[in-house]
Amino acid sequence: MSGKAELEWSTNGGGKLTASGKANYESAQNFKVEVDVDSHALKLNKWHILLVNKPAKSARTLQISVTEAEVSIINGR
């Protein structure tokens, strides 16, 4: 599934936030979620968020990645 959203507000100086995302879900043990967020007003400069849970040989692996303008902020398993 996928979706897009755009929010605009006029209070506190106004601003705009755009977001898009997609998700693939097979089970709680096998899924992928990707979200892109951008808002100059909120100082979110082209954020890309990735959350992946995949079965591995002996355990499940949860991968988390957050980048801002293609620079890694959070990356881990």
PDB file of N, CA and C in Angstrom:
ATOM      1  N   MET A   1       0.833  -1.159   0.000  1.00  0.00           N
ATOM      2  CA  MET A   1       0.000   0.000   0.000  1.00  0.00           C
ATOM      3  C   MET A   1       0.882   1.228   0.000  1.00  0.00           C
ATOM      4  N   SER A   2       0.355   2.335  -0.484  1.00  0.00           N
ATOM      5  CA  SER A   2       1.122   3.579  -0.524  1.00  0.00           C
ATOM      6  C   SER A   2       0.180   4.757  -0.345  1.00  0.00           C
ATOM      7  N   GLY A   3       0.763   5.914  -0.044  1.00  0.00           N
ATOM      8  CA  GLY A   3      -0.059   7.101   0.140  1.00  0.00           C
ATOM      9  C   GLY A   3       0.770   8.363   0.150  1.00  0.00           C
ATOM     10  N   LYS A   4       0.084   9.493   0.019  1.00  0.00           N
ATOM     11  CA  LYS A   4       0.717  10.814   0.044  1.00  0.00           C
ATOM     12  C   LYS A   4      -0.149  11.742   0.884  1.00  0.00           C
ATOM     13  N   ALA A   5       0.495  12.720   1.512  1.00  0.00           N
ATOM     14  CA  ALA A   5      -0.231  13.716   2.303  1.00  0.00           C
ATOM     15  C   ALA A   5       0.492  15.047   2.207  1.00  0.00           C
ATOM     16  N   GLU A   6      -0.279  16.121   2.270  1.00  0.00           N
ATOM     17  CA  GLU A   6       0.276  17.463   2.285  1.00  0.00           C
ATOM     18  C   GLU A   6      -0.512  18.279   3.291  1.00  0.00           C
ATOM     19  N   LEU A   7       0.193  18.888   4.227  1.00  0.00           N
ATOM     20  CA  LEU A   7      -0.439  19.710   5.255  1.00  0.00           C
ATOM     21  C   LEU A   7       0.080  21.131   5.147  1.00  0.00           C
ATOM     22  N   GLU A   8      -0.821  22.091   5.239  1.00  0.00           N
ATOM     23  CA  GLU A   8      -0.443  23.507   5.275  1.00  0.00           C
ATOM     24  C   GLU A   8      -1.138  24.155   6.463  1.00  0.00           C
ATOM     25  N   TRP A   9      -0.428  25.083   7.121  1.00  0.00           N
ATOM     26  CA  TRP A   9      -1.014  25.800   8.234  1.00  0.00           C
ATOM     27  C   TRP A   9      -0.602  27.261   8.160  1.00  0.00           C
ATOM     28  N   SER A  10      -1.432  28.106   8.778  1.00  0.00           N
ATOM     29  CA  SER A  10      -1.184  29.546   8.722  1.00  0.00           C
ATOM     30  C   SER A  10      -0.797  30.122  10.081  1.00  0.00           C
ATOM     31  N   THR A  11      -1.011  29.395  11.171  1.00  0.00           N
ATOM     32  CA  THR A  11      -0.652  29.895  12.497  1.00  0.00           C
ATOM     33  C   THR A  11       0.852  29.805  12.717  1.00  0.00           C
ATOM     34  N   ASN A  12       1.355  30.592  13.633  1.00  0.00           N
ATOM     35  CA  ASN A  12       2.780  30.600  13.994  1.00  0.00           C
ATOM     36  C   ASN A  12       3.693  30.780  12.788  1.00  0.00           C
ATOM     37  N   GLY A  13       3.337  31.636  11.875  1.00  0.00           N
ATOM     38  CA  GLY A  13       4.172  31.906  10.712  1.00  0.00           C
ATOM     39  C   GLY A  13       3.879  31.035   9.508  1.00  0.00           C
ATOM     40  N   GLY A  14       3.035  30.053   9.675  1.00  0.00           N
ATOM     41  CA  GLY A  14       2.645  29.190   8.561  1.00  0.00           C
ATOM     42  C   GLY A  14       3.711  28.198   8.158  1.00  0.00           C
ATOM     43  N   GLY A  15       3.311  27.278   7.329  1.00  0.00           N
ATOM     44  CA  GLY A  15       4.256  26.289   6.852  1.00  0.00           C
ATOM     45  C   GLY A  15       3.563  25.193   6.074  1.00  0.00           C
ATOM     46  N   LYS A  16       4.363  24.263   5.628  1.00  0.00           N
ATOM     47  CA  LYS A  16       3.855  23.167   4.801  1.00  0.00           C
ATOM     48  C   LYS A  16       4.675  21.918   5.102  1.00  0.00           C
ATOM     49  N   LEU A  17       4.023  20.781   5.111  1.00  0.00           N
ATOM     50  CA  LEU A  17       4.678  19.499   5.283  1.00  0.00           C
ATOM     51  C   LEU A  17       4.155  18.563   4.202  1.00  0.00           C
ATOM     52  N   THR A  18       5.054  17.908   3.499  1.00  0.00           N
ATOM     53  CA  THR A  18       4.656  16.902   2.524  1.00  0.00           C
ATOM     54  C   THR A  18       5.222  15.560   2.977  1.00  0.00           C
ATOM     55  N   ALA A  19       4.447  14.515   2.781  1.00  0.00           N
ATOM     56  CA  ALA A  19       4.878  13.171   3.164  1.00  0.00           C
ATOM     57  C   ALA A  19       4.346  12.169   2.158  1.00  0.00           C
ATOM     58  N   SER A  20       5.136  11.144   1.915  1.00  0.00           N
ATOM     59  CA  SER A  20       4.691  10.033   1.087  1.00  0.00           C
ATOM     60  C   SER A  20       5.302   8.774   1.664  1.00  0.00           C
ATOM     61  N   GLY A  21       4.642   7.673   1.422  1.00  0.00           N
ATOM     62  CA  GLY A  21       5.165   6.436   1.972  1.00  0.00           C
ATOM     63  C   GLY A  21       4.578   5.226   1.292  1.00  0.00           C
ATOM     64  N   LYS A  22       5.231   4.105   1.557  1.00  0.00           N
ATOM     65  CA  LYS A  22       4.718   2.842   1.054  1.00  0.00           C
ATOM     66  C   LYS A  22       5.071   1.759   2.055  1.00  0.00           C
ATOM     67  N   ALA A  23       4.240   0.731   2.076  1.00  0.00           N
ATOM     68  CA  ALA A  23       4.451  -0.364   3.014  1.00  0.00           C
ATOM     69  C   ALA A  23       4.129  -1.688   2.339  1.00  0.00           C
ATOM     70  N   ASN A  24       4.948  -2.667   2.629  1.00  0.00           N
ATOM     71  CA  ASN A  24       4.711  -4.047   2.217  1.00  0.00           C
ATOM     72  C   ASN A  24       4.649  -4.870   3.494  1.00  0.00           C
ATOM     73  N   TYR A  25       3.543  -5.577   3.677  1.00  0.00           N
ATOM     74  CA  TYR A  25       3.355  -6.339   4.902  1.00  0.00           C
ATOM     75  C   TYR A  25       2.930  -7.760   4.551  1.00  0.00           C
ATOM     76  N   GLU A  26       3.779  -8.706   4.901  1.00  0.00           N
ATOM     77  CA  GLU A  26       3.429 -10.110   4.743  1.00  0.00           C
ATOM     78  C   GLU A  26       3.041 -10.709   6.087  1.00  0.00           C
ATOM     79  N   SER A  27       3.772 -10.296   7.148  1.00  0.00           N
ATOM     80  CA  SER A  27       3.492 -10.749   8.507  1.00  0.00           C
ATOM     81  C   SER A  27       4.243  -9.831   9.467  1.00  0.00           C
ATOM     82  N   ALA A  28       4.040 -10.043  10.768  1.00  0.00           N
ATOM     83  CA  ALA A  28       4.767  -9.243  11.759  1.00  0.00           C
ATOM     84  C   ALA A  28       6.266  -9.535  11.716  1.00  0.00           C
ATOM     85  N   GLN A  29       6.646 -10.647  11.118  1.00  0.00           N
ATOM     86  CA  GLN A  29       8.046 -11.001  10.997  1.00  0.00           C
ATOM     87  C   GLN A  29       8.653 -10.609   9.653  1.00  0.00           C
ATOM     88  N   ASN A  30       7.844 -10.144   8.717  1.00  0.00           N
ATOM     89  CA  ASN A  30       8.348  -9.829   7.381  1.00  0.00           C
ATOM     90  C   ASN A  30       7.589  -8.630   6.807  1.00  0.00           C
ATOM     91  N   PHE A  31       8.162  -7.439   6.985  1.00  0.00           N
ATOM     92  CA  PHE A  31       7.514  -6.227   6.486  1.00  0.00           C
ATOM     93  C   PHE A  31       8.553  -5.168   6.141  1.00  0.00           C
ATOM     94  N   LYS A  32       8.108  -4.157   5.389  1.00  0.00           N
ATOM     95  CA  LYS A  32       8.965  -3.034   5.020  1.00  0.00           C
ATOM     96  C   LYS A  32       8.104  -1.773   4.959  1.00  0.00           C
ATOM     97  N   VAL A  33       8.577  -0.706   5.604  1.00  0.00           N
ATOM     98  CA  VAL A  33       7.882   0.581   5.601  1.00  0.00           C
ATOM     99  C   VAL A  33       8.894   1.649   5.203  1.00  0.00           C
ATOM    100  N   GLU A  34       8.557   2.469   4.214  1.00  0.00           N
ATOM    101  CA  GLU A  34       9.396   3.586   3.784  1.00  0.00           C
ATOM    102  C   GLU A  34       8.557   4.858   3.792  1.00  0.00           C
ATOM    103  N   VAL A  35       9.097   5.927   4.369  1.00  0.00           N
ATOM    104  CA  VAL A  35       8.390   7.206   4.447  1.00  0.00           C
ATOM    105  C   VAL A  35       9.355   8.321   4.077  1.00  0.00           C
ATOM    106  N   ASP A  36       8.894   9.250   3.247  1.00  0.00           N
ATOM    107  CA  ASP A  36       9.647  10.461   2.898  1.00  0.00           C
ATOM    108  C   ASP A  36       8.880  11.664   3.424  1.00  0.00           C
ATOM    109  N   VAL A  37       9.571  12.534   4.169  1.00  0.00           N
ATOM    110  CA  VAL A  37       8.942  13.707   4.777  1.00  0.00           C
ATOM    111  C   VAL A  37       9.796  14.924   4.457  1.00  0.00           C
ATOM    112  N   ASP A  38       9.143  16.044   4.140  1.00  0.00           N
ATOM    113  CA  ASP A  38       9.868  17.280   3.847  1.00  0.00           C
ATOM    114  C   ASP A  38       9.061  18.465   4.369  1.00  0.00           C
ATOM    115  N   SER A  39       9.689  19.312   5.156  1.00  0.00           N
ATOM    116  CA  SER A  39       9.045  20.521   5.667  1.00  0.00           C
ATOM    117  C   SER A  39      10.108  21.540   6.065  1.00  0.00           C
ATOM    118  N   HIS A  40      10.189  22.612   5.316  1.00  0.00           N
ATOM    119  CA  HIS A  40      11.126  23.694   5.645  1.00  0.00           C
ATOM    120  C   HIS A  40      10.749  24.319   6.992  1.00  0.00           C
ATOM    121  N   ALA A  41       9.457  24.507   7.219  1.00  0.00           N
ATOM    122  CA  ALA A  41       8.987  25.151   8.451  1.00  0.00           C
ATOM    123  C   ALA A  41       9.333  24.341   9.698  1.00  0.00           C
ATOM    124  N   LEU A  42       9.324  23.023   9.585  1.00  0.00           N
ATOM    125  CA  LEU A  42       9.639  22.163  10.728  1.00  0.00           C
ATOM    126  C   LEU A  42      11.094  21.685  10.729  1.00  0.00           C
ATOM    127  N   LYS A  43      11.873  22.197   9.796  1.00  0.00           N
ATOM    128  CA  LYS A  43      13.289  21.850   9.655  1.00  0.00           C
ATOM    129  C   LYS A  43      13.490  20.355   9.431  1.00  0.00           C
ATOM    130  N   LEU A  44      12.628  19.775   8.628  1.00  0.00           N
ATOM    131  CA  LEU A  44      12.756  18.384   8.192  1.00  0.00           C
ATOM    132  C   LEU A  44      13.132  18.425   6.718  1.00  0.00           C
ATOM    133  N   ASN A  45      14.408  18.375   6.433  1.00  0.00           N
ATOM    134  CA  ASN A  45      14.914  18.544   5.079  1.00  0.00           C
ATOM    135  C   ASN A  45      15.068  17.186   4.393  1.00  0.00           C
ATOM    136  N   LYS A  46      14.067  16.791   3.630  1.00  0.00           N
ATOM    137  CA  LYS A  46      14.092  15.553   2.846  1.00  0.00           C
ATOM    138  C   LYS A  46      14.453  14.333   3.698  1.00  0.00           C
ATOM    139  N   TRP A  47      13.669  14.107   4.741  1.00  0.00           N
ATOM    140  CA  TRP A  47      13.877  12.938   5.585  1.00  0.00           C
ATOM    141  C   TRP A  47      13.386  11.695   4.871  1.00  0.00           C
ATOM    142  N   HIS A  48      14.145  10.618   4.986  1.00  0.00           N
ATOM    143  CA  HIS A  48      13.753   9.310   4.463  1.00  0.00           C
ATOM    144  C   HIS A  48      13.870   8.320   5.625  1.00  0.00           C
ATOM    145  N   ILE A  49      12.767   7.662   5.941  1.00  0.00           N
ATOM    146  CA  ILE A  49      12.729   6.735   7.067  1.00  0.00           C
ATOM    147  C   ILE A  49      12.442   5.339   6.525  1.00  0.00           C
ATOM    148  N   LEU A  50      13.247   4.371   6.925  1.00  0.00           N
ATOM    149  CA  LEU A  50      13.107   2.999   6.464  1.00  0.00           C
ATOM    150  C   LEU A  50      13.080   2.085   7.679  1.00  0.00           C
ATOM    151  N   LEU A  51      12.081   1.207   7.724  1.00  0.00           N
ATOM    152  CA  LEU A  51      11.941   0.221   8.785  1.00  0.00           C
ATOM    153  C   LEU A  51      11.664  -1.113   8.118  1.00  0.00           C
ATOM    154  N   VAL A  52      12.576  -2.082   8.301  1.00  0.00           N
ATOM    155  CA  VAL A  52      12.460  -3.382   7.642  1.00  0.00           C
ATOM    156  C   VAL A  52      12.656  -4.481   8.674  1.00  0.00           C
ATOM    157  N   ASN A  53      11.762  -5.447   8.676  1.00  0.00           N
ATOM    158  CA  ASN A  53      11.887  -6.622   9.524  1.00  0.00           C
ATOM    159  C   ASN A  53      11.846  -7.839   8.619  1.00  0.00           C
ATOM    160  N   LYS A  54      12.967  -8.572   8.566  1.00  0.00           N
ATOM    161  CA  LYS A  54      13.052  -9.740   7.694  1.00  0.00           C
ATOM    162  C   LYS A  54      13.536 -10.939   8.490  1.00  0.00           C
ATOM    163  N   PRO A  55      13.033 -12.108   8.156  1.00  0.00           N
ATOM    164  CA  PRO A  55      13.558 -13.299   8.813  1.00  0.00           C
ATOM    165  C   PRO A  55      15.012 -13.539   8.389  1.00  0.00           C
ATOM    166  N   ALA A  56      15.841 -13.919   9.329  1.00  0.00           N
ATOM    167  CA  ALA A  56      17.223 -14.291   9.037  1.00  0.00           C
ATOM    168  C   ALA A  56      17.394 -15.770   9.371  1.00  0.00           C
ATOM    169  N   LYS A  57      18.584 -16.289   9.217  1.00  0.00           N
ATOM    170  CA  LYS A  57      18.812 -17.721   9.440  1.00  0.00           C
ATOM    171  C   LYS A  57      18.427 -18.160  10.842  1.00  0.00           C
ATOM    172  N   SER A  58      18.906 -17.451  11.859  1.00  0.00           N
ATOM    173  CA  SER A  58      18.653 -17.903  13.229  1.00  0.00           C
ATOM    174  C   SER A  58      17.803 -16.928  14.050  1.00  0.00           C
ATOM    175  N   ALA A  59      17.475 -15.771  13.486  1.00  0.00           N
ATOM    176  CA  ALA A  59      16.700 -14.774  14.237  1.00  0.00           C
ATOM    177  C   ALA A  59      16.061 -13.795  13.260  1.00  0.00           C
ATOM    178  N   ARG A  60      15.219 -12.945  13.785  1.00  0.00           N
ATOM    179  CA  ARG A  60      14.640 -11.871  12.964  1.00  0.00           C
ATOM    180  C   ARG A  60      15.559 -10.663  13.036  1.00  0.00           C
ATOM    181  N   THR A  61      15.614  -9.916  11.949  1.00  0.00           N
ATOM    182  CA  THR A  61      16.451  -8.728  11.884  1.00  0.00           C
ATOM    183  C   THR A  61      15.566  -7.518  11.630  1.00  0.00           C
ATOM    184  N   LEU A  62      15.665  -6.517  12.500  1.00  0.00           N
ATOM    185  CA  LEU A  62      14.942  -5.265  12.327  1.00  0.00           C
ATOM    186  C   LEU A  62      15.951  -4.199  11.935  1.00  0.00           C
ATOM    187  N   GLN A  63      15.798  -3.642  10.747  1.00  0.00           N
ATOM    188  CA  GLN A  63      16.697  -2.600  10.262  1.00  0.00           C
ATOM    189  C   GLN A  63      15.981  -1.260  10.345  1.00  0.00           C
ATOM    190  N   ILE A  64      16.657  -0.270  10.936  1.00  0.00           N
ATOM    191  CA  ILE A  64      16.113   1.083  11.050  1.00  0.00           C
ATOM    192  C   ILE A  64      17.117   2.037  10.409  1.00  0.00           C
ATOM    193  N   SER A  65      16.618   2.902   9.531  1.00  0.00           N
ATOM    194  CA  SER A  65      17.485   3.864   8.862  1.00  0.00           C
ATOM    195  C   SER A  65      16.735   5.180   8.710  1.00  0.00           C
ATOM    196  N   VAL A  66      17.388   6.266   9.097  1.00  0.00           N
ATOM    197  CA  VAL A  66      16.835   7.610   8.910  1.00  0.00           C
ATOM    198  C   VAL A  66      17.923   8.462   8.283  1.00  0.00           C
ATOM    199  N   THR A  67      17.585   9.107   7.164  1.00  0.00           N
ATOM    200  CA  THR A  67      18.525  10.023   6.520  1.00  0.00           C
ATOM    201  C   THR A  67      17.859  11.384   6.342  1.00  0.00           C
ATOM    202  N   GLU A  68      18.685  12.411   6.326  1.00  0.00           N
ATOM    203  CA  GLU A  68      18.227  13.765   6.042  1.00  0.00           C
ATOM    204  C   GLU A  68      19.074  14.294   4.900  1.00  0.00           C
ATOM    205  N   ALA A  69      18.442  14.603   3.773  1.00  0.00           N
ATOM    206  CA  ALA A  69      19.142  15.060   2.578  1.00  0.00           C
ATOM    207  C   ALA A  69      20.282  14.100   2.235  1.00  0.00           C
ATOM    208  N   GLU A  70      19.993  12.818   2.290  1.00  0.00           N
ATOM    209  CA  GLU A  70      20.916  11.721   1.947  1.00  0.00           C
ATOM    210  C   GLU A  70      22.105  11.581   2.901  1.00  0.00           C
ATOM    211  N   VAL A  71      22.024  12.198   4.088  1.00  0.00           N
ATOM    212  CA  VAL A  71      23.056  12.055   5.115  1.00  0.00           C
ATOM    213  C   VAL A  71      22.456  11.233   6.259  1.00  0.00           C
ATOM    214  N   SER A  72      23.134  10.162   6.625  1.00  0.00           N
ATOM    215  CA  SER A  72      22.624   9.243   7.651  1.00  0.00           C
ATOM    216  C   SER A  72      22.523   9.916   9.015  1.00  0.00           C
ATOM    217  N   ILE A  73      21.365   9.777   9.654  1.00  0.00           N
ATOM    218  CA  ILE A  73      21.143  10.277  11.008  1.00  0.00           C
ATOM    219  C   ILE A  73      21.098   9.110  11.975  1.00  0.00           C
ATOM    220  N   ILE A  74      20.320   8.073  11.624  1.00  0.00           N
ATOM    221  CA  ILE A  74      20.193   6.866  12.431  1.00  0.00           C
ATOM    222  C   ILE A  74      20.334   5.672  11.509  1.00  0.00           C
ATOM    223  N   ASN A  75      21.108   4.693  11.930  1.00  0.00           N
ATOM    224  CA  ASN A  75      21.258   3.484  11.146  1.00  0.00           C
ATOM    225  C   ASN A  75      21.580   2.352  12.113  1.00  0.00           C
ATOM    226  N   GLY A  76      20.749   1.342  12.119  1.00  0.00           N
ATOM    227  CA  GLY A  76      21.020   0.243  13.046  1.00  0.00           C
ATOM    228  C   GLY A  76      20.154  -0.960  12.795  1.00  0.00           C
ATOM    229  N   ARG A  77      20.486  -2.020  13.501  1.00  0.00           N
ATOM    230  CA  ARG A  77      19.736  -3.281  13.445  1.00  0.00           C
ATOM    231  C   ARG A  77      19.418  -3.706  14.848  1.00  0.00           C
TER     232      ARG A  77
END
